[in-house]
Protein backbone atom coordinates (compact mmCIF):
# COMPACT_ATOMS: atom_id res chain seq x y z
CA ARG A 1 5.24 96.92 117.42
CA ALA A 2 5.33 94.66 114.39
CA ILE A 3 7.86 96.87 112.61
CA LEU A 4 10.07 97.04 115.70
CA LEU A 5 10.03 93.24 115.93
CA GLN A 6 10.82 92.91 112.22
CA MET A 7 13.81 95.23 112.67
CA MET A 8 15.17 92.83 115.29
CA GLY A 9 14.91 89.85 112.95
CA TYR A 10 11.52 88.38 113.82
CA LYS A 11 9.09 86.99 111.24
CA VAL A 12 5.91 88.82 112.24
CA SER A 13 2.22 88.16 111.58
CA VAL A 14 -0.57 90.52 112.61
CA PHE A 15 -4.17 89.35 112.50
CA GLU A 16 -7.62 89.98 113.96
CA PHE A 17 -8.00 87.98 117.16
CA ILE A 18 -11.59 88.79 118.13
CA GLY A 19 -14.22 90.33 115.87
CA GLY A 20 -14.48 94.13 115.92
CA GLU A 21 -18.06 93.93 117.10
CA HIS A 22 -16.82 92.62 120.48
CA THR A 23 -13.79 94.83 121.16
CA SER A 24 -11.75 97.56 119.50
CA LYS A 25 -8.53 95.93 120.76
CA ASN A 26 -8.72 92.90 118.51
CA VAL A 27 -5.26 92.51 116.98
CA MET A 28 -2.81 89.73 117.80
CA ILE A 29 0.87 89.88 116.91
CA THR A 30 2.88 86.68 116.60
CA ALA A 31 6.63 86.70 116.11
CA VAL A 32 9.20 83.96 115.48
CA LYS A 33 12.90 84.78 115.88
CA LYS A 34 15.05 84.39 112.79
CA ASN A 35 18.82 84.83 112.58
CA GLY A 36 19.86 88.33 113.70
CA PRO A 37 18.52 91.77 112.81
CA SER A 38 16.77 92.32 109.49
CA SER A 39 18.80 93.32 106.45
CA LYS A 40 15.97 95.79 105.74
CA SER A 41 16.41 97.69 109.04
CA VAL A 42 17.00 101.04 107.29
CA GLU A 43 13.76 100.78 105.28
CA LEU A 44 11.81 99.51 108.30
CA ARG A 45 13.16 102.33 110.51
CA SER A 46 12.04 104.89 107.92
CA LYS A 47 8.57 103.31 107.74
CA LEU A 48 8.34 103.27 111.54
CA LYS A 49 9.20 106.96 111.83
CA LYS A 50 6.70 107.94 109.11
CA LEU A 51 3.90 105.98 110.82
CA ALA A 52 4.76 107.42 114.24
CA GLU A 53 4.80 110.95 112.85
CA PHE A 54 1.51 110.48 111.01
CA HIS A 55 -0.25 109.18 114.14
CA GLY A 56 1.42 111.66 116.51
CA ILE A 57 3.28 108.98 118.47
CA THR A 58 6.37 110.41 120.14
CA SER A 59 7.24 107.53 122.46
CA HIS A 60 6.63 103.80 122.78
CA LYS A 61 7.97 101.49 125.49
CA LEU A 62 9.29 98.80 123.11
CA ALA A 63 10.99 101.46 120.96
CA SER A 64 12.58 102.95 124.09
CA TRP A 65 13.92 99.56 125.17
CA MET A 66 15.39 99.16 121.68
CA LYS A 67 16.82 102.71 121.82
CA GLU A 68 14.80 103.70 118.74
CA GLU A 69 13.64 107.30 118.45
CA LEU A 70 10.19 107.59 116.93
CA ALA A 71 9.69 111.30 116.35
CA GLY A 72 10.82 114.61 117.70
CA GLU A 73 8.54 117.37 118.92
CA VAL A 74 5.08 116.88 117.42
CA GLN A 75 3.62 119.81 115.49
CA ALA A 76 -0.16 119.85 115.93
CA ASP A 77 -0.84 121.42 112.51
CA LYS A 78 0.64 118.36 110.72
CA PHE A 79 -2.09 116.01 111.86
CA PRO A 80 -5.74 115.75 110.88
CA PRO A 81 -8.26 116.34 113.69
CA ARG A 82 -9.26 113.21 115.58
CA LEU A 83 -12.70 111.84 114.86
CA SER A 84 -14.96 111.47 117.85
CA ARG A 85 -16.29 107.99 118.61
CA ARG A 86 -20.07 108.15 118.80
């Protein structure tokens, strides 16, 4: 999400909102609009696609709204097995 916002010209900060001992969903994203899309959109788009491919993410609502393709068909053998949470 942060990279998508940066591509659209937002100054983005990501930080821990609540300690990890309380919840696994503990990240807050803040964004302040600057003037127009980032001049680094090409580099950010490349980084976004690499991260999406690494994590096996093929779609994301914000990316869809922005008409950004994340990754094509995911090949299972490219990704490490998921660790179980115990």
